[in-house]
Amino acid sequence: MSDSKSAKHNASMEKQKEKIDKRIAEASEERGVSILLTGNGKGKSSSAFGMAIRSLGYGYKVGIVQFIKGAMLSGEEIFIKERHPEVQFYQMGTGFTWDTQNRDSDIAAAEATWTVAEAMLKDESLHLVILDELTYMLAYTYLDEDMILNALRNRPANQSVVVTGRGGGKAIRELVDTVSEINDIKHAYTAGIKARKGVDY
């Protein structure tokens, strides 16, 4: 790299560092955060489980509730149950709604699962709570929206919560601190490639 290019690069990086340092300095509030991972793309639950691993790495307590999933064994479930039995881990266990095709039983399962999630959202010892696929419970009106929003809003101040799933409505987007949308640009499944063990489940 020439001296002029090197000098230009260094000046650009210095300006970028100043902006980042300024933002870090301005972020002075210390509390738990709420995060919504949504969109049609792949990787929402994977991102949430990455945060669980991050918290566990620091020795924090984690609670995980999976709505919809649970009928089929996943690598995440194996890892958590075998390597981290201290994690509070609960699955609704009914599989996807298009598998059960029974709205009444799905609602009953959702309500029973929510009692577990609600208890976690009141537990001050939990540093992180993951509510995987909770948005579907809102989209299908299996659970009352105000009940969910109030529980998220009134959780312990130092507890962070991650909600995943497509949709979920405007209200939850407005409530949470961070919204990340994962877009579906291209997916192997649409090309007829089977889901891969250890990658997709």
Foldseek 3Di string as FASTA:
>chain_A
DDPVVVVVVVVVVVVVVVVVVVVVVVPDDAWAFEEEEAADAPDQVVVVVVVVVVCVVVVAAEEEEEEQDALDDAPSVVCCVVVPVRHHYYYLNPHHCVVVVDLVVSLVSVVVSVVVVLVVQADPRHQEYEYEAVLVCQVVVSDDPVVVLVSNQPGDGRHYYYYYYYHNDDPVVVRGDYYDYDYPPDDVVVVVDDDDGPPRD
